[in-house]
Amino acid sequence: MRFIIYGAGAIGGVIGAKLYQRGFQVLLIARGAHMEAIQSQGLVLESPNEVVTLPIPVVGHPSEINFEPDDVVMLAMKSQHTVSALEALRNSAGDSVPVVCCQNGVFNERVAARQFQRVYGMTVLMPAAHLEPGAVQSTTTGITGVVDCGLYPDGVDQTISAVAVALSQSNFVCRADSTIMRMKYAKLLMNLGNALQAACGSPPETRELMRLVRNEALACYAAAQIDCAGRDEFKARFLGQIEEAPIRGAVRGGGSSWQSLQRGVGSIESDYLNGEIVLLGRLHHVSTPVNHALQQIANEMALSRAEPGSVGVDVVRERIRMLDPVNNGSDKN
């Protein structure tokens, strides 16, 4: 089995590096300066315990690959880039190549299943960072991350079972899960805070906003009759197995949305995290002003190249007030 990592940023880069270190065949697909740096020097993997440079082969586009029958594509770009990436992949590989969505949210599997015969979901809990070309960071000691995976929309087959074995051998906790989307919807509840962290940082005042964000999502799940793993079930499987530590004396600055703002890439994933809840609310007549406000603010920050943490909690509260049809007396949502 050869692992093609499509999107070699924080998550994809660390997964690819760990598989490569274990002796599996790995090919990265990256872009721009990141690709050029890997081509010239290899991929630098930095952790609290080591810094290694790995000569993993890399290309810039799926059309540069001679696809083989045992290839598995690990989709790891941000969700806003998924549609164009999948089109390029199908044009190059056909629709029979297995695609594993190692991404936040629940959008990617759904859109991939329109184009590919075998699609898999992966619930990823793995503190990682990608802030400089040619380098990724894994900020854990011991286990690198928990990365359960399963067939979309449900089930397990030989392919995903082999993927789970390979990842388990590469310093991940991983099992093949026949109901993987239950866990992905539970993970989405956590990721709804990404935009809030990117906008405001993590002061104590954000805790109440995070409670409201989650409550809106749970109301939407109930209205849409979505099967979501409970908090205790998710915590028992994914939390408490990972220990973070500083790298070069510095702790990880923030999650994936925070990193998007820090790198100034001009886009952010909020349409597919908070925006997923906004969409469910519109489809099922549930008010979602808090998620809508965070979706708007995160996109505005990305477009203006704003610094992470540069928006005050009071600004978020005011935006929520403007969008709340109940408390503001008009439906602007």
C-alpha atoms as a PDB file:
ATOM      1  CA  MET A   1       0.000   0.000   0.000  1.00  0.00           C
ATOM      2  CA  ARG A   2       1.284   3.449  -0.971  1.00  0.00           C
ATOM      3  CA  PHE A   3      -0.042   6.462   0.920  1.00  0.00           C
ATOM      4  CA  ILE A   4      -0.538   9.586  -1.189  1.00  0.00           C
ATOM      5  CA  ILE A   5      -0.867  12.535   1.174  1.00  0.00           C
ATOM      6  CA  TYR A   6      -2.884  15.184  -0.672  1.00  0.00           C
ATOM      7  CA  GLY A   7      -2.262  18.320   1.364  1.00  0.00           C
ATOM      8  CA  ALA A   8       1.005  18.009   3.297  1.00  0.00           C
ATOM      9  CA  GLY A   9       0.354  20.700   5.887  1.00  0.00           C
ATOM     10  CA  ALA A  10       0.120  20.163   9.637  1.00  0.00           C
ATOM     11  CA  ILE A  11      -2.100  17.060   9.650  1.00  0.00           C
ATOM     12  CA  GLY A  12      -1.098  15.564   6.309  1.00  0.00           C
ATOM     13  CA  GLY A  13       2.574  16.318   6.804  1.00  0.00           C
ATOM     14  CA  VAL A  14       2.750  14.687  10.227  1.00  0.00           C
ATOM     15  CA  ILE A  15       0.734  11.623   9.118  1.00  0.00           C
ATOM     16  CA  GLY A  16       2.959  11.233   6.063  1.00  0.00           C
ATOM     17  CA  ALA A  17       6.136  11.686   8.080  1.00  0.00           C
ATOM     18  CA  LYS A  18       5.158   9.097  10.680  1.00  0.00           C
ATOM     19  CA  LEU A  19       4.139   6.549   8.041  1.00  0.00           C
ATOM     20  CA  TYR A  20       7.408   7.155   6.201  1.00  0.00           C
ATOM     21  CA  GLN A  21       9.435   6.722   9.384  1.00  0.00           C
ATOM     22  CA  ARG A  22       7.729   3.361   9.923  1.00  0.00           C
ATOM     23  CA  GLY A  23       8.791   2.215   6.453  1.00  0.00           C
ATOM     24  CA  PHE A  24       5.597   2.660   4.435  1.00  0.00           C
ATOM     25  CA  GLN A  25       5.627   4.075   0.921  1.00  0.00           C
ATOM     26  CA  VAL A  26       4.578   7.745   1.044  1.00  0.00           C
ATOM     27  CA  LEU A  27       4.155  10.397  -1.641  1.00  0.00           C
ATOM     28  CA  LEU A  28       3.266  13.979  -0.745  1.00  0.00           C
ATOM     29  CA  ILE A  29       1.274  16.474  -2.801  1.00  0.00           C
ATOM     30  CA  ALA A  30       2.061  20.027  -1.730  1.00  0.00           C
ATOM     31  CA  ARG A  31       2.030  23.520  -3.240  1.00  0.00           C
ATOM     32  CA  GLY A  32       4.256  26.539  -3.750  1.00  0.00           C
ATOM     33  CA  ALA A  33       7.088  27.281  -1.366  1.00  0.00           C
ATOM     34  CA  HIS A  34       6.204  24.297   0.824  1.00  0.00           C
ATOM     35  CA  MET A  35       6.605  21.896  -2.090  1.00  0.00           C
ATOM     36  CA  GLU A  36       9.836  23.566  -3.229  1.00  0.00           C
ATOM     37  CA  ALA A  37      11.337  23.353   0.256  1.00  0.00           C
ATOM     38  CA  ILE A  38      10.490  19.644   0.566  1.00  0.00           C
ATOM     39  CA  GLN A  39      11.920  18.965  -2.886  1.00  0.00           C
ATOM     40  CA  SER A  40      15.175  20.715  -2.053  1.00  0.00           C
ATOM     41  CA  GLN A  41      15.766  19.624   1.549  1.00  0.00           C
ATOM     42  CA  GLY A  42      13.157  17.040   2.540  1.00  0.00           C
ATOM     43  CA  LEU A  43      10.313  17.416   5.011  1.00  0.00           C
ATOM     44  CA  VAL A  44      11.409  18.627   8.441  1.00  0.00           C
ATOM     45  CA  LEU A  45       9.442  17.013  11.258  1.00  0.00           C
ATOM     46  CA  GLU A  46       9.899  18.711  14.601  1.00  0.00           C
ATOM     47  CA  SER A  47       8.585  17.400  17.906  1.00  0.00           C
ATOM     48  CA  PRO A  48       9.390  17.958  21.596  1.00  0.00           C
ATOM     49  CA  ASN A  49      11.797  15.001  21.391  1.00  0.00           C
ATOM     50  CA  GLU A  50      13.508  15.323  18.005  1.00  0.00           C
ATOM     51  CA  VAL A  51      14.041  17.173  14.758  1.00  0.00           C
ATOM     52  CA  VAL A  52      14.376  14.969  11.687  1.00  0.00           C
ATOM     53  CA  THR A  53      14.566  15.665   7.968  1.00  0.00           C
ATOM     54  CA  LEU A  54      12.861  13.045   5.850  1.00  0.00           C
ATOM     55  CA  PRO A  55      13.497  12.649   2.098  1.00  0.00           C
ATOM     56  CA  ILE A  56       9.849  11.990   1.248  1.00  0.00           C
ATOM     57  CA  PRO A  57       9.063  12.365  -2.464  1.00  0.00           C
ATOM     58  CA  VAL A  58       6.720  15.248  -3.289  1.00  0.00           C
ATOM     59  CA  VAL A  59       4.849  16.527  -6.328  1.00  0.00           C
ATOM     60  CA  GLY A  60       2.733  19.593  -6.926  1.00  0.00           C
ATOM     61  CA  HIS A  61      -0.320  18.058  -8.641  1.00  0.00           C
ATOM     62  CA  PRO A  62      -2.011  14.650  -9.000  1.00  0.00           C
ATOM     63  CA  SER A  63      -1.314  14.703 -12.746  1.00  0.00           C
ATOM     64  CA  GLU A  64       2.377  14.147 -11.927  1.00  0.00           C
ATOM     65  CA  ILE A  65       1.657  10.751 -10.337  1.00  0.00           C
ATOM     66  CA  ASN A  66       1.589   7.327 -11.957  1.00  0.00           C
ATOM     67  CA  PHE A  67      -1.218   5.879  -9.872  1.00  0.00           C
ATOM     68  CA  GLU A  68      -0.969   2.235  -8.823  1.00  0.00           C
ATOM     69  CA  PRO A  69      -3.682  -0.287  -7.823  1.00  0.00           C
ATOM     70  CA  ASP A  70      -2.696  -0.281  -4.132  1.00  0.00           C
ATOM     71  CA  ASP A  71      -2.628   3.517  -3.707  1.00  0.00           C
ATOM     72  CA  VAL A  72      -4.695   5.182  -0.981  1.00  0.00           C
ATOM     73  CA  VAL A  73      -5.190   8.944  -1.050  1.00  0.00           C
ATOM     74  CA  MET A  74      -5.240  10.696   2.330  1.00  0.00           C
ATOM     75  CA  LEU A  75      -7.090  13.977   1.777  1.00  0.00           C
ATOM     76  CA  ALA A  76      -5.689  16.525   4.237  1.00  0.00           C
ATOM     77  CA  MET A  77      -6.144  20.017   2.815  1.00  0.00           C
ATOM     78  CA  LYS A  78      -8.532  22.531   4.395  1.00  0.00           C
ATOM     79  CA  SER A  79     -12.164  21.971   3.435  1.00  0.00           C
ATOM     80  CA  GLN A  80     -12.366  25.152   1.339  1.00  0.00           C
ATOM     81  CA  HIS A  81      -9.893  23.544  -1.092  1.00  0.00           C
ATOM     82  CA  THR A  82     -11.545  20.119  -1.281  1.00  0.00           C
ATOM     83  CA  VAL A  83     -13.771  20.567  -4.343  1.00  0.00           C
ATOM     84  CA  SER A  84     -10.988  21.676  -6.688  1.00  0.00           C
ATOM     85  CA  ALA A  85      -8.609  19.073  -5.254  1.00  0.00           C
ATOM     86  CA  LEU A  86     -11.062  16.238  -5.842  1.00  0.00           C
ATOM     87  CA  GLU A  87     -11.658  17.332  -9.413  1.00  0.00           C
ATOM     88  CA  ALA A  88      -7.913  17.301 -10.083  1.00  0.00           C
ATOM     89  CA  LEU A  89      -7.590  13.905  -8.420  1.00  0.00           C
ATOM     90  CA  ARG A  90     -10.398  12.271 -10.412  1.00  0.00           C
ATOM     91  CA  ASN A  91      -9.076  13.701 -13.677  1.00  0.00           C
ATOM     92  CA  SER A  92      -5.695  12.135 -12.910  1.00  0.00           C
ATOM     93  CA  ALA A  93      -6.534   8.894 -11.097  1.00  0.00           C
ATOM     94  CA  GLY A  94     -10.087   8.001 -12.099  1.00  0.00           C
ATOM     95  CA  ASP A  95     -12.873   7.400  -9.604  1.00  0.00           C
ATOM     96  CA  SER A  96     -11.780   4.055  -8.156  1.00  0.00           C
ATOM     97  CA  VAL A  97      -8.856   5.255  -6.012  1.00  0.00           C
ATOM     98  CA  PRO A  98      -9.734   5.096  -2.292  1.00  0.00           C
ATOM     99  CA  VAL A  99     -10.045   8.528  -0.650  1.00  0.00           C
ATOM    100  CA  VAL A 100      -9.698   8.982   3.126  1.00  0.00           C
ATOM    101  CA  CYS A 101     -10.892  12.368   4.393  1.00  0.00           C
ATOM    102  CA  CYS A 102      -8.482  13.273   7.216  1.00  0.00           C
ATOM    103  CA  GLN A 103     -10.181  16.643   7.700  1.00  0.00           C
ATOM    104  CA  ASN A 104     -12.299  18.575  10.148  1.00  0.00           C
ATOM    105  CA  GLY A 105     -16.032  18.881   9.623  1.00  0.00           C
ATOM    106  CA  VAL A 106     -18.456  16.618   7.789  1.00  0.00           C
ATOM    107  CA  PHE A 107     -18.513  18.256   4.349  1.00  0.00           C
ATOM    108  CA  ASN A 108     -15.596  16.488   2.713  1.00  0.00           C
ATOM    109  CA  GLU A 109     -16.893  12.919   2.733  1.00  0.00           C
ATOM    110  CA  ARG A 110     -20.200  14.019   1.259  1.00  0.00           C
ATOM    111  CA  VAL A 111     -18.636  15.862  -1.668  1.00  0.00           C
ATOM    112  CA  ALA A 112     -16.026  13.137  -2.262  1.00  0.00           C
ATOM    113  CA  ALA A 113     -18.762  10.500  -2.493  1.00  0.00           C
ATOM    114  CA  ARG A 114     -20.211  12.339  -5.493  1.00  0.00           C
ATOM    115  CA  GLN A 115     -17.066  11.548  -7.463  1.00  0.00           C
ATOM    116  CA  PHE A 116     -15.328   8.503  -5.963  1.00  0.00           C
ATOM    117  CA  GLN A 117     -16.485   4.931  -5.457  1.00  0.00           C
ATOM    118  CA  ARG A 118     -14.724   4.371  -2.114  1.00  0.00           C
ATOM    119  CA  VAL A 119     -14.712   7.194   0.419  1.00  0.00           C
ATOM    120  CA  TYR A 120     -13.683   6.997   4.064  1.00  0.00           C
ATOM    121  CA  GLY A 121     -13.936   9.348   7.011  1.00  0.00           C
ATOM    122  CA  MET A 122     -11.280   9.917   9.643  1.00  0.00           C
ATOM    123  CA  THR A 123     -11.723  11.591  13.022  1.00  0.00           C
ATOM    124  CA  VAL A 124      -8.427  13.316  13.777  1.00  0.00           C
ATOM    125  CA  LEU A 125      -7.288  14.498  17.188  1.00  0.00           C
ATOM    126  CA  MET A 126      -3.639  15.413  16.705  1.00  0.00           C
ATOM    127  CA  PRO A 127      -1.977  18.619  17.909  1.00  0.00           C
ATOM    128  CA  ALA A 128       0.185  19.713  14.984  1.00  0.00           C
ATOM    129  CA  ALA A 129       1.340  22.875  13.237  1.00  0.00           C
ATOM    130  CA  HIS A 130       2.580  24.061   9.870  1.00  0.00           C
ATOM    131  CA  LEU A 131       3.865  27.644   9.900  1.00  0.00           C
ATOM    132  CA  GLU A 132       6.978  27.544   7.697  1.00  0.00           C
ATOM    133  CA  PRO A 133       7.627  26.066   4.236  1.00  0.00           C
ATOM    134  CA  GLY A 134       9.132  22.590   4.346  1.00  0.00           C
ATOM    135  CA  ALA A 135       8.410  21.992   8.029  1.00  0.00           C
ATOM    136  CA  VAL A 136       5.670  20.546  10.215  1.00  0.00           C
ATOM    137  CA  GLN A 137       5.453  20.179  13.971  1.00  0.00           C
ATOM    138  CA  SER A 138       3.960  17.440  16.125  1.00  0.00           C
ATOM    139  CA  THR A 139       3.592  18.898  19.606  1.00  0.00           C
ATOM    140  CA  THR A 140       3.023  15.634  21.449  1.00  0.00           C
ATOM    141  CA  THR A 141       5.164  13.267  23.440  1.00  0.00           C
ATOM    142  CA  GLY A 142       4.349   9.575  23.273  1.00  0.00           C
ATOM    143  CA  ILE A 143       1.356   8.922  20.998  1.00  0.00           C
ATOM    144  CA  THR A 144       1.196  11.307  18.019  1.00  0.00           C
ATOM    145  CA  GLY A 145      -2.592  11.374  17.767  1.00  0.00           C
ATOM    146  CA  VAL A 146      -5.886   9.490  17.689  1.00  0.00           C
ATOM    147  CA  VAL A 147      -7.065   8.910  14.113  1.00  0.00           C
ATOM    148  CA  ASP A 148      -9.984   6.476  13.908  1.00  0.00           C
ATOM    149  CA  CYS A 149     -11.350   5.831  10.415  1.00  0.00           C
ATOM    150  CA  GLY A 150     -14.208   4.075   8.654  1.00  0.00           C
ATOM    151  CA  LEU A 151     -16.146   3.661   5.436  1.00  0.00           C
ATOM    152  CA  TYR A 152     -18.489   6.515   4.492  1.00  0.00           C
ATOM    153  CA  PRO A 153     -21.342   6.695   5.353  1.00  0.00           C
ATOM    154  CA  ASP A 154     -20.817   3.612   7.503  1.00  0.00           C
ATOM    155  CA  GLY A 155     -19.091   0.254   7.583  1.00  0.00           C
ATOM    156  CA  VAL A 156     -15.582  -1.182   7.441  1.00  0.00           C
ATOM    157  CA  ASP A 157     -13.779  -2.945   4.597  1.00  0.00           C
ATOM    158  CA  GLN A 158     -10.363  -4.458   3.960  1.00  0.00           C
ATOM    159  CA  THR A 159      -8.880  -1.195   2.701  1.00  0.00           C
ATOM    160  CA  ILE A 160      -9.696   0.912   5.732  1.00  0.00           C
ATOM    161  CA  SER A 161      -8.762  -1.960   8.051  1.00  0.00           C
ATOM    162  CA  ALA A 162      -5.302  -2.023   6.424  1.00  0.00           C
ATOM    163  CA  VAL A 163      -5.037   1.755   6.778  1.00  0.00           C
ATOM    164  CA  ALA A 164      -5.884   1.476  10.481  1.00  0.00           C
ATOM    165  CA  VAL A 165      -3.212  -1.188  10.985  1.00  0.00           C
ATOM    166  CA  ALA A 166      -0.577   0.940   9.224  1.00  0.00           C
ATOM    167  CA  LEU A 167      -1.391   4.000  11.311  1.00  0.00           C
ATOM    168  CA  SER A 168      -1.422   1.952  14.516  1.00  0.00           C
ATOM    169  CA  GLN A 169       2.083   0.787  13.631  1.00  0.00           C
ATOM    170  CA  SER A 170       3.178   4.402  13.040  1.00  0.00           C
ATOM    171  CA  ASN A 171       2.670   5.771  16.565  1.00  0.00           C
ATOM    172  CA  PHE A 172      -1.040   6.607  16.254  1.00  0.00           C
ATOM    173  CA  VAL A 173      -4.007   5.256  18.152  1.00  0.00           C
ATOM    174  CA  CYS A 174      -6.270   4.095  15.334  1.00  0.00           C
ATOM    175  CA  ARG A 175      -9.145   1.675  14.912  1.00  0.00           C
ATOM    176  CA  ALA A 176     -11.509   0.951  12.046  1.00  0.00           C
ATOM    177  CA  ASP A 177     -14.892   2.340  13.146  1.00  0.00           C
ATOM    178  CA  SER A 178     -18.058   1.267  11.301  1.00  0.00           C
ATOM    179  CA  THR A 179     -19.932   4.377  12.511  1.00  0.00           C
ATOM    180  CA  ILE A 180     -17.191   6.955  11.985  1.00  0.00           C
ATOM    181  CA  MET A 181     -19.526   9.878  11.202  1.00  0.00           C
ATOM    182  CA  ARG A 182     -20.976   9.768  14.740  1.00  0.00           C
ATOM    183  CA  MET A 183     -17.516  10.657  15.978  1.00  0.00           C
ATOM    184  CA  LYS A 184     -16.923  13.226  13.249  1.00  0.00           C
ATOM    185  CA  TYR A 185     -20.092  15.085  14.255  1.00  0.00           C
ATOM    186  CA  ALA A 186     -18.874  15.018  17.873  1.00  0.00           C
ATOM    187  CA  LYS A 187     -15.462  16.343  16.796  1.00  0.00           C
ATOM    188  CA  LEU A 188     -17.230  19.127  14.873  1.00  0.00           C
ATOM    189  CA  LEU A 189     -18.642  20.359  18.185  1.00  0.00           C
ATOM    190  CA  MET A 190     -15.039  20.942  19.317  1.00  0.00           C
ATOM    191  CA  ASN A 191     -13.991  22.549  16.044  1.00  0.00           C
ATOM    192  CA  LEU A 192     -16.786  25.128  16.273  1.00  0.00           C
ATOM    193  CA  GLY A 193     -14.458  26.900  18.706  1.00  0.00           C
ATOM    194  CA  ASN A 194     -11.675  27.228  16.109  1.00  0.00           C
ATOM    195  CA  ALA A 195     -12.998  30.516  14.745  1.00  0.00           C
ATOM    196  CA  LEU A 196     -13.528  31.866  18.266  1.00  0.00           C
ATOM    197  CA  GLN A 197      -9.949  31.043  19.233  1.00  0.00           C
ATOM    198  CA  ALA A 198      -8.630  32.528  15.986  1.00  0.00           C
ATOM    199  CA  ALA A 199     -10.578  35.737  16.545  1.00  0.00           C
ATOM    200  CA  CYS A 200     -10.221  36.283  20.288  1.00  0.00           C
ATOM    201  CA  GLY A 201      -7.607  33.896  21.629  1.00  0.00           C
ATOM    202  CA  SER A 202      -8.692  31.959  24.708  1.00  0.00           C
ATOM    203  CA  PRO A 203      -9.635  34.406  27.496  1.00  0.00           C
ATOM    204  CA  PRO A 204     -12.126  33.178  30.125  1.00  0.00           C
ATOM    205  CA  GLU A 205     -14.870  35.295  28.528  1.00  0.00           C
ATOM    206  CA  THR A 206     -14.991  32.931  25.540  1.00  0.00           C
ATOM    207  CA  ARG A 207     -16.278  30.022  27.627  1.00  0.00           C
ATOM    208  CA  GLU A 208     -19.866  31.283  27.633  1.00  0.00           C
ATOM    209  CA  LEU A 209     -19.718  31.904  23.889  1.00  0.00           C
ATOM    210  CA  MET A 210     -18.443  28.369  23.341  1.00  0.00           C
ATOM    211  CA  ARG A 211     -21.371  27.016  25.349  1.00  0.00           C
ATOM    212  CA  LEU A 212     -23.786  28.940  23.125  1.00  0.00           C
ATOM    213  CA  VAL A 213     -22.016  27.725  19.978  1.00  0.00           C
ATOM    214  CA  ARG A 214     -22.339  24.132  21.103  1.00  0.00           C
ATOM    215  CA  ASN A 215     -25.981  24.503  22.159  1.00  0.00           C
ATOM    216  CA  GLU A 216     -26.900  25.862  18.723  1.00  0.00           C
ATOM    217  CA  ALA A 217     -25.189  22.896  17.096  1.00  0.00           C
ATOM    218  CA  LEU A 218     -26.912  20.358  19.326  1.00  0.00           C
ATOM    219  CA  ALA A 219     -30.281  21.965  18.555  1.00  0.00           C
ATOM    220  CA  CYS A 220     -29.530  21.631  14.838  1.00  0.00           C
ATOM    221  CA  TYR A 221     -28.432  18.019  15.251  1.00  0.00           C
ATOM    222  CA  ALA A 222     -31.683  17.239  17.045  1.00  0.00           C
ATOM    223  CA  ALA A 223     -33.794  18.966  14.384  1.00  0.00           C
ATOM    224  CA  ALA A 224     -31.944  17.134  11.599  1.00  0.00           C
ATOM    225  CA  GLN A 225     -31.994  13.814  13.503  1.00  0.00           C
ATOM    226  CA  ILE A 226     -28.211  13.502  13.226  1.00  0.00           C
ATOM    227  CA  ASP A 227     -26.599  10.690  15.188  1.00  0.00           C
ATOM    228  CA  CYS A 228     -23.745  12.236  17.165  1.00  0.00           C
ATOM    229  CA  ALA A 229     -21.566  10.503  19.741  1.00  0.00           C
ATOM    230  CA  GLY A 230     -22.110  11.807  23.242  1.00  0.00           C
ATOM    231  CA  ARG A 231     -19.563  13.865  25.117  1.00  0.00           C
ATOM    232  CA  ASP A 232     -18.585  11.047  27.471  1.00  0.00           C
ATOM    233  CA  GLU A 233     -18.167   8.574  24.612  1.00  0.00           C
ATOM    234  CA  PHE A 234     -16.024  10.986  22.622  1.00  0.00           C
ATOM    235  CA  LYS A 235     -13.949  11.940  25.652  1.00  0.00           C
ATOM    236  CA  ALA A 236     -13.309   8.315  26.570  1.00  0.00           C
ATOM    237  CA  ARG A 237     -11.998   7.525  23.099  1.00  0.00           C
ATOM    238  CA  PHE A 238     -10.157  10.675  22.042  1.00  0.00           C
ATOM    239  CA  LEU A 239      -9.207  12.754  25.069  1.00  0.00           C
ATOM    240  CA  GLY A 240      -6.649  11.883  27.692  1.00  0.00           C
ATOM    241  CA  GLN A 241      -4.455   9.776  25.394  1.00  0.00           C
ATOM    242  CA  ILE A 242      -2.312  12.669  24.133  1.00  0.00           C
ATOM    243  CA  GLU A 243       0.249  14.707  26.058  1.00  0.00           C
ATOM    244  CA  GLU A 244       1.496  17.987  24.599  1.00  0.00           C
ATOM    245  CA  ALA A 245       4.865  19.590  25.308  1.00  0.00           C
ATOM    246  CA  PRO A 246       6.669  22.750  24.142  1.00  0.00           C
ATOM    247  CA  ILE A 247       8.947  22.768  21.118  1.00  0.00           C
ATOM    248  CA  ARG A 248      12.053  24.941  21.550  1.00  0.00           C
ATOM    249  CA  GLY A 249      10.433  26.299  24.711  1.00  0.00           C
ATOM    250  CA  ALA A 250       7.299  27.494  22.935  1.00  0.00           C
ATOM    251  CA  VAL A 251       3.811  25.997  23.172  1.00  0.00           C
ATOM    252  CA  ARG A 252       1.657  25.573  20.073  1.00  0.00           C
ATOM    253  CA  GLY A 253       0.072  28.925  19.256  1.00  0.00           C
ATOM    254  CA  GLY A 254      -3.360  27.676  18.283  1.00  0.00           C
ATOM    255  CA  GLY A 255      -5.434  25.327  16.171  1.00  0.00           C
ATOM    256  CA  SER A 256      -5.856  25.109  12.425  1.00  0.00           C
ATOM    257  CA  SER A 257      -7.886  28.315  12.000  1.00  0.00           C
ATOM    258  CA  TRP A 258      -5.458  30.268  14.188  1.00  0.00           C
ATOM    259  CA  GLN A 259      -2.619  28.959  12.020  1.00  0.00           C
ATOM    260  CA  SER A 260      -4.414  30.037   8.830  1.00  0.00           C
ATOM    261  CA  LEU A 261      -4.535  33.595  10.132  1.00  0.00           C
ATOM    262  CA  GLN A 262      -0.970  33.436  11.413  1.00  0.00           C
ATOM    263  CA  ARG A 263       0.281  32.374   7.972  1.00  0.00           C
ATOM    264  CA  GLY A 264      -1.873  34.982   6.212  1.00  0.00           C
ATOM    265  CA  VAL A 265      -3.139  32.554   3.571  1.00  0.00           C
ATOM    266  CA  GLY A 266      -6.272  34.607   2.848  1.00  0.00           C
ATOM    267  CA  SER A 267      -8.826  31.860   3.553  1.00  0.00           C
ATOM    268  CA  ILE A 268     -10.141  29.989   6.553  1.00  0.00           C
ATOM    269  CA  GLU A 269     -12.236  26.896   7.219  1.00  0.00           C
ATOM    270  CA  SER A 270     -15.137  28.511   9.087  1.00  0.00           C
ATOM    271  CA  ASP A 271     -17.669  28.026   6.247  1.00  0.00           C
ATOM    272  CA  TYR A 272     -17.307  24.264   6.762  1.00  0.00           C
ATOM    273  CA  LEU A 273     -17.294  24.296  10.574  1.00  0.00           C
ATOM    274  CA  ASN A 274     -19.530  27.050  11.947  1.00  0.00           C
ATOM    275  CA  GLY A 275     -21.033  27.296   8.467  1.00  0.00           C
ATOM    276  CA  GLU A 276     -22.157  23.668   8.678  1.00  0.00           C
ATOM    277  CA  ILE A 277     -24.274  24.584  11.704  1.00  0.00           C
ATOM    278  CA  VAL A 278     -25.598  27.692   9.959  1.00  0.00           C
ATOM    279  CA  LEU A 279     -26.604  25.527   6.996  1.00  0.00           C
ATOM    280  CA  LEU A 280     -28.353  22.993   9.230  1.00  0.00           C
ATOM    281  CA  GLY A 281     -30.141  25.835  10.974  1.00  0.00           C
ATOM    282  CA  ARG A 282     -31.423  27.244   7.708  1.00  0.00           C
ATOM    283  CA  LEU A 283     -32.547  23.809   6.510  1.00  0.00           C
ATOM    284  CA  HIS A 284     -34.339  22.955   9.766  1.00  0.00           C
ATOM    285  CA  HIS A 285     -35.491  26.385  10.988  1.00  0.00           C
ATOM    286  CA  VAL A 286     -33.136  26.653  13.946  1.00  0.00           C
ATOM    287  CA  SER A 287     -31.655  30.046  14.822  1.00  0.00           C
ATOM    288  CA  THR A 288     -27.823  30.055  14.823  1.00  0.00           C
ATOM    289  CA  PRO A 289     -26.656  33.658  15.390  1.00  0.00           C
ATOM    290  CA  VAL A 290     -23.528  32.708  17.369  1.00  0.00           C
ATOM    291  CA  ASN A 291     -22.152  30.341  14.740  1.00  0.00           C
ATOM    292  CA  HIS A 292     -23.174  32.809  12.008  1.00  0.00           C
ATOM    293  CA  ALA A 293     -21.295  35.625  13.745  1.00  0.00           C
ATOM    294  CA  LEU A 294     -18.139  33.544  14.117  1.00  0.00           C
ATOM    295  CA  GLN A 295     -18.364  32.411  10.492  1.00  0.00           C
ATOM    296  CA  GLN A 296     -18.589  36.041   9.323  1.00  0.00           C
ATOM    297  CA  ILE A 297     -15.829  37.355  11.576  1.00  0.00           C
ATOM    298  CA  ALA A 298     -13.397  34.564  10.717  1.00  0.00           C
ATOM    299  CA  ASN A 299     -13.869  35.118   6.990  1.00  0.00           C
ATOM    300  CA  GLU A 300     -13.438  38.863   7.374  1.00  0.00           C
ATOM    301  CA  MET A 301     -10.209  38.353   9.321  1.00  0.00           C
ATOM    302  CA  ALA A 302      -8.843  35.942   6.719  1.00  0.00           C
ATOM    303  CA  LEU A 303      -9.605  38.295   3.822  1.00  0.00           C
ATOM    304  CA  SER A 304      -8.031  41.284   5.579  1.00  0.00           C
ATOM    305  CA  ARG A 305      -5.001  39.245   6.755  1.00  0.00           C
ATOM    306  CA  ALA A 306      -5.813  40.191  10.357  1.00  0.00           C
ATOM    307  CA  GLU A 307      -3.632  38.891  13.171  1.00  0.00           C
ATOM    308  CA  PRO A 308      -5.064  35.992  15.198  1.00  0.00           C
ATOM    309  CA  GLY A 309      -6.514  37.113  18.518  1.00  0.00           C
ATOM    310  CA  SER A 310      -7.028  40.702  17.336  1.00  0.00           C
ATOM    311  CA  VAL A 311     -10.827  40.789  17.789  1.00  0.00           C
ATOM    312  CA  GLY A 312     -12.292  41.453  21.210  1.00  0.00           C
ATOM    313  CA  VAL A 313     -15.013  39.328  22.779  1.00  0.00           C
ATOM    314  CA  ASP A 314     -17.227  42.414  22.901  1.00  0.00           C
ATOM    315  CA  VAL A 315     -17.024  42.674  19.107  1.00  0.00           C
ATOM    316  CA  VAL A 316     -18.209  39.085  18.764  1.00  0.00           C
ATOM    317  CA  ARG A 317     -21.068  39.704  21.188  1.00  0.00           C
ATOM    318  CA  GLU A 318     -22.165  42.774  19.250  1.00  0.00           C
ATOM    319  CA  ARG A 319     -22.158  40.834  15.984  1.00  0.00           C
ATOM    320  CA  ILE A 320     -24.262  38.099  17.599  1.00  0.00           C
ATOM    321  CA  ARG A 321     -26.724  40.737  18.800  1.00  0.00           C
ATOM    322  CA  MET A 322     -27.036  42.107  15.270  1.00  0.00           C
ATOM    323  CA  LEU A 323     -27.716  38.649  13.841  1.00  0.00           C
ATOM    324  CA  ASP A 324     -30.062  37.402  16.571  1.00  0.00           C
ATOM    325  CA  PRO A 325     -33.673  37.735  15.345  1.00  0.00           C
ATOM    326  CA  VAL A 326     -35.068  37.004  18.820  1.00  0.00           C
ATOM    327  CA  ASN A 327     -33.104  39.559  20.821  1.00  0.00           C
ATOM    328  CA  ASN A 328     -32.755  42.153  18.045  1.00  0.00           C
ATOM    329  CA  GLY A 329     -36.363  42.140  16.884  1.00  0.00           C
ATOM    330  CA  SER A 330     -35.607  41.540  13.205  1.00  0.00           C
ATOM    331  CA  ASP A 331     -34.564  38.524  11.162  1.00  0.00           C
ATOM    332  CA  LYS A 332     -31.140  39.277   9.739  1.00  0.00           C
ATOM    333  CA  ASN A 333     -29.848  35.731   9.934  1.00  0.00           C
END
